N, C-alpha and C. Protein backbone atom coordinates (compact mmCIF):
# COMPACT_ATOMS: atom_id res chain seq x y z
N UNK A 1 13.08 10.87 25.70
CA UNK A 1 13.52 10.48 24.38
C UNK A 1 15.04 10.46 24.36
N UNK A 2 15.59 9.47 23.70
CA UNK A 2 17.04 9.34 23.62
C UNK A 2 17.60 10.32 22.59
N UNK A 3 18.86 10.68 22.78
CA UNK A 3 19.53 11.56 21.82
C UNK A 3 19.90 10.77 20.58
N UNK A 4 19.95 11.46 19.46
CA UNK A 4 20.38 10.85 18.21
C UNK A 4 21.89 10.97 18.14
N UNK A 5 22.56 9.84 17.86
CA UNK A 5 24.01 9.81 17.83
C UNK A 5 24.52 10.12 16.44
N UNK A 6 25.49 11.02 16.36
CA UNK A 6 26.14 11.32 15.08
C UNK A 6 27.56 10.78 15.16
N UNK A 7 27.96 10.03 14.15
CA UNK A 7 29.29 9.45 14.14
C UNK A 7 30.02 9.87 12.88
N UNK A 8 31.31 10.14 13.01
CA UNK A 8 32.11 10.48 11.85
C UNK A 8 32.30 9.24 10.99
N UNK A 9 32.39 9.46 9.69
CA UNK A 9 32.63 8.33 8.79
C UNK A 9 34.02 7.76 9.04
N UNK A 10 34.18 6.46 8.88
CA UNK A 10 35.50 5.86 9.07
C UNK A 10 36.51 6.44 8.08
N UNK A 11 37.74 6.59 8.53
CA UNK A 11 38.79 7.17 7.68
C UNK A 11 39.03 6.33 6.43
N UNK A 12 38.83 5.01 6.54
CA UNK A 12 39.09 4.13 5.40
C UNK A 12 38.00 4.22 4.33
N UNK A 13 36.84 4.74 4.69
CA UNK A 13 35.73 4.82 3.72
C UNK A 13 35.98 5.88 2.67
N UNK A 14 35.52 5.61 1.47
CA UNK A 14 35.65 6.58 0.38
C UNK A 14 34.70 7.75 0.63
N UNK A 15 35.05 8.93 0.15
CA UNK A 15 34.14 10.07 0.33
C UNK A 15 32.80 9.81 -0.33
N UNK A 16 31.76 10.30 0.28
CA UNK A 16 30.42 10.18 -0.26
C UNK A 16 29.86 11.58 -0.42
N UNK A 17 29.20 11.83 -1.57
CA UNK A 17 28.67 13.15 -1.86
C UNK A 17 27.14 13.09 -1.93
N UNK A 18 26.53 14.22 -1.63
CA UNK A 18 25.07 14.32 -1.71
C UNK A 18 24.71 15.57 -2.50
N UNK A 19 23.70 15.43 -3.36
CA UNK A 19 23.14 16.55 -4.11
C UNK A 19 21.66 16.61 -3.74
N UNK A 20 21.24 17.72 -3.14
CA UNK A 20 19.87 17.89 -2.70
C UNK A 20 19.15 18.83 -3.66
N UNK A 21 18.02 18.36 -4.19
CA UNK A 21 17.21 19.15 -5.11
C UNK A 21 16.01 19.66 -4.33
N UNK A 22 15.81 20.99 -4.34
CA UNK A 22 14.66 21.57 -3.63
C UNK A 22 14.11 22.75 -4.40
N UNK A 23 12.86 23.08 -4.15
CA UNK A 23 12.22 24.19 -4.86
C UNK A 23 13.05 25.45 -4.73
N UNK A 24 13.15 26.21 -5.79
CA UNK A 24 13.96 27.44 -5.81
C UNK A 24 13.46 28.42 -4.76
N UNK A 25 14.39 28.94 -3.97
CA UNK A 25 14.08 29.94 -2.96
C UNK A 25 13.45 29.39 -1.69
N UNK A 26 13.34 28.06 -1.57
CA UNK A 26 12.75 27.46 -0.38
C UNK A 26 13.86 26.90 0.49
N UNK A 27 13.84 27.21 1.77
CA UNK A 27 14.92 26.75 2.65
C UNK A 27 14.44 25.68 3.64
N UNK A 28 13.41 24.93 3.26
CA UNK A 28 12.94 23.85 4.11
C UNK A 28 12.57 22.66 3.23
N UNK A 29 12.49 21.50 3.83
CA UNK A 29 12.16 20.29 3.10
C UNK A 29 10.69 19.98 3.27
N UNK A 30 10.06 19.60 2.20
CA UNK A 30 8.63 19.31 2.26
C UNK A 30 8.28 18.36 1.13
N UNK A 31 7.75 17.20 1.45
CA UNK A 31 7.41 16.21 0.43
C UNK A 31 5.98 16.35 -0.06
N UNK A 32 5.29 17.43 0.26
CA UNK A 32 3.94 17.64 -0.26
C UNK A 32 4.01 17.93 -1.75
N UNK A 33 2.90 17.71 -2.48
CA UNK A 33 2.90 18.03 -3.91
C UNK A 33 3.28 19.49 -4.16
N UNK A 34 4.05 19.71 -5.18
CA UNK A 34 4.53 21.04 -5.60
C UNK A 34 5.52 21.65 -4.62
N UNK A 35 5.96 20.95 -3.63
CA UNK A 35 7.01 21.42 -2.72
C UNK A 35 8.05 20.31 -2.58
N UNK A 36 8.29 19.59 -3.67
CA UNK A 36 9.14 18.41 -3.64
C UNK A 36 10.59 18.73 -3.34
N UNK A 37 11.24 17.76 -2.78
CA UNK A 37 12.68 17.79 -2.60
C UNK A 37 13.14 16.35 -2.66
N UNK A 38 14.37 16.14 -2.97
CA UNK A 38 14.93 14.81 -2.99
C UNK A 38 16.44 14.93 -2.91
N UNK A 39 17.09 13.85 -2.51
CA UNK A 39 18.55 13.88 -2.45
C UNK A 39 19.12 12.67 -3.18
N UNK A 40 20.30 12.85 -3.71
CA UNK A 40 20.98 11.83 -4.48
C UNK A 40 22.38 11.66 -3.90
N UNK A 41 22.68 10.45 -3.47
CA UNK A 41 23.95 10.15 -2.81
C UNK A 41 24.78 9.25 -3.71
N UNK A 42 26.07 9.56 -3.82
CA UNK A 42 26.95 8.75 -4.66
C UNK A 42 28.38 8.91 -4.20
N UNK A 43 29.22 7.96 -4.53
CA UNK A 43 30.64 8.03 -4.18
C UNK A 43 31.35 9.09 -5.01
N UNK A 44 30.84 9.39 -6.21
CA UNK A 44 31.43 10.41 -7.07
C UNK A 44 30.54 11.64 -7.07
N UNK A 45 31.14 12.79 -6.86
CA UNK A 45 30.39 14.05 -6.84
C UNK A 45 29.67 14.28 -8.16
N UNK A 46 30.35 14.02 -9.26
CA UNK A 46 29.78 14.25 -10.58
C UNK A 46 28.53 13.40 -10.80
N UNK A 47 28.55 12.14 -10.31
CA UNK A 47 27.40 11.25 -10.50
C UNK A 47 26.20 11.71 -9.68
N UNK A 48 26.45 12.17 -8.45
CA UNK A 48 25.35 12.67 -7.61
C UNK A 48 24.73 13.91 -8.25
N UNK A 49 25.57 14.80 -8.76
CA UNK A 49 25.08 16.03 -9.41
C UNK A 49 24.33 15.70 -10.70
N UNK A 50 24.84 14.76 -11.48
CA UNK A 50 24.19 14.38 -12.73
C UNK A 50 22.78 13.84 -12.47
N UNK A 51 22.63 12.98 -11.45
CA UNK A 51 21.32 12.43 -11.11
C UNK A 51 20.38 13.53 -10.63
N UNK A 52 20.91 14.47 -9.83
CA UNK A 52 20.10 15.59 -9.33
C UNK A 52 19.65 16.49 -10.47
N UNK A 53 20.53 16.78 -11.42
CA UNK A 53 20.19 17.61 -12.57
C UNK A 53 19.11 16.95 -13.44
N UNK A 54 19.21 15.64 -13.60
CA UNK A 54 18.21 14.90 -14.37
C UNK A 54 16.83 15.05 -13.74
N UNK A 55 16.76 14.88 -12.42
CA UNK A 55 15.49 15.02 -11.71
C UNK A 55 14.97 16.45 -11.79
N UNK A 56 15.84 17.42 -11.55
CA UNK A 56 15.43 18.83 -11.57
C UNK A 56 14.91 19.23 -12.94
N UNK A 57 15.57 18.78 -14.00
CA UNK A 57 15.13 19.11 -15.36
C UNK A 57 13.76 18.50 -15.67
N UNK A 58 13.51 17.31 -15.13
CA UNK A 58 12.21 16.68 -15.33
C UNK A 58 11.12 17.41 -14.54
N UNK A 59 11.42 17.77 -13.31
CA UNK A 59 10.43 18.41 -12.44
C UNK A 59 10.13 19.86 -12.83
N UNK A 60 11.10 20.58 -13.42
CA UNK A 60 10.92 22.00 -13.72
C UNK A 60 9.74 22.22 -14.66
N UNK A 61 9.47 21.28 -15.55
CA UNK A 61 8.35 21.41 -16.48
C UNK A 61 7.00 21.37 -15.78
N UNK A 62 6.95 20.63 -14.67
CA UNK A 62 5.68 20.47 -13.96
C UNK A 62 5.52 21.39 -12.76
N UNK A 63 6.61 21.68 -12.06
CA UNK A 63 6.49 22.35 -10.76
C UNK A 63 7.25 23.67 -10.63
N UNK A 64 8.04 24.07 -11.61
CA UNK A 64 8.81 25.29 -11.49
C UNK A 64 10.29 25.01 -11.25
N UNK A 65 11.04 26.05 -10.97
CA UNK A 65 12.49 25.94 -10.85
C UNK A 65 12.94 25.33 -9.53
N UNK A 66 14.12 24.70 -9.58
CA UNK A 66 14.71 24.04 -8.42
C UNK A 66 16.14 24.51 -8.20
N UNK A 67 16.57 24.48 -6.95
CA UNK A 67 17.97 24.70 -6.59
C UNK A 67 18.59 23.35 -6.29
N UNK A 68 19.89 23.23 -6.48
CA UNK A 68 20.61 22.00 -6.13
C UNK A 68 21.76 22.38 -5.21
N UNK A 69 21.78 21.79 -4.03
CA UNK A 69 22.86 21.99 -3.07
C UNK A 69 23.72 20.73 -3.05
N UNK A 70 25.04 20.90 -3.09
CA UNK A 70 25.95 19.76 -3.18
C UNK A 70 26.96 19.84 -2.04
N UNK A 71 27.27 18.69 -1.46
CA UNK A 71 28.27 18.66 -0.39
C UNK A 71 28.80 17.27 -0.15
N UNK A 72 29.87 17.21 0.64
CA UNK A 72 30.47 15.94 1.02
C UNK A 72 29.88 15.51 2.35
N UNK A 73 29.46 14.26 2.45
CA UNK A 73 28.94 13.74 3.71
C UNK A 73 30.11 13.41 4.63
N UNK A 74 30.06 13.92 5.84
CA UNK A 74 31.14 13.67 6.80
C UNK A 74 30.66 12.94 8.05
N UNK A 75 29.34 12.86 8.24
CA UNK A 75 28.80 12.20 9.41
C UNK A 75 27.56 11.40 9.05
N UNK A 76 27.27 10.41 9.88
CA UNK A 76 26.05 9.63 9.74
C UNK A 76 25.26 9.75 11.03
N UNK A 77 23.96 9.74 10.91
CA UNK A 77 23.10 9.83 12.09
C UNK A 77 22.38 8.50 12.25
N UNK A 78 22.44 7.95 13.45
CA UNK A 78 21.77 6.69 13.75
C UNK A 78 20.65 6.97 14.75
N UNK A 79 19.43 6.78 14.30
CA UNK A 79 18.27 7.00 15.16
C UNK A 79 18.11 5.76 16.04
N UNK A 80 18.04 5.94 17.36
CA UNK A 80 17.91 4.77 18.22
C UNK A 80 16.57 4.07 18.02
N UNK A 81 16.60 2.76 18.08
CA UNK A 81 15.38 1.96 17.97
C UNK A 81 14.81 1.82 19.37
N UNK A 82 13.54 2.11 19.52
CA UNK A 82 12.89 2.00 20.82
C UNK A 82 11.83 0.92 20.77
N UNK A 83 11.81 0.08 21.81
CA UNK A 83 10.83 -1.00 21.90
C UNK A 83 9.91 -0.74 23.07
N UNK A 84 8.70 -1.17 22.93
CA UNK A 84 7.72 -1.04 24.00
C UNK A 84 7.16 -2.44 24.26
N UNK A 85 7.22 -2.88 25.54
CA UNK A 85 6.70 -4.19 25.90
C UNK A 85 5.23 -4.09 26.26
N UNK A 86 4.46 -5.05 25.78
CA UNK A 86 3.04 -5.11 26.10
C UNK A 86 2.74 -6.49 26.68
N UNK A 87 1.85 -6.52 27.65
CA UNK A 87 1.44 -7.79 28.22
C UNK A 87 0.62 -8.57 27.20
N UNK A 88 0.85 -9.86 27.15
CA UNK A 88 0.09 -10.72 26.23
C UNK A 88 -1.10 -11.34 26.92
């Protein structure tokens, strides 16, 4: 299997922020029902946080409390595309 390449964002690019919403006290990601998580990416930190808060407030009524982690994105990960040839 090939390695996944991580590249720094170009210096000319504007900062990008991410707000991750996850179940309170859970330190892993899981998209199963009642273990939801989601992330919101935006050029403005305030906008990413606002969208995350909106989702968390909606979900808290159905699934319980959520934590929101916020940070600046500094790298991108590019997963290599792999092709497999088959005889026709």
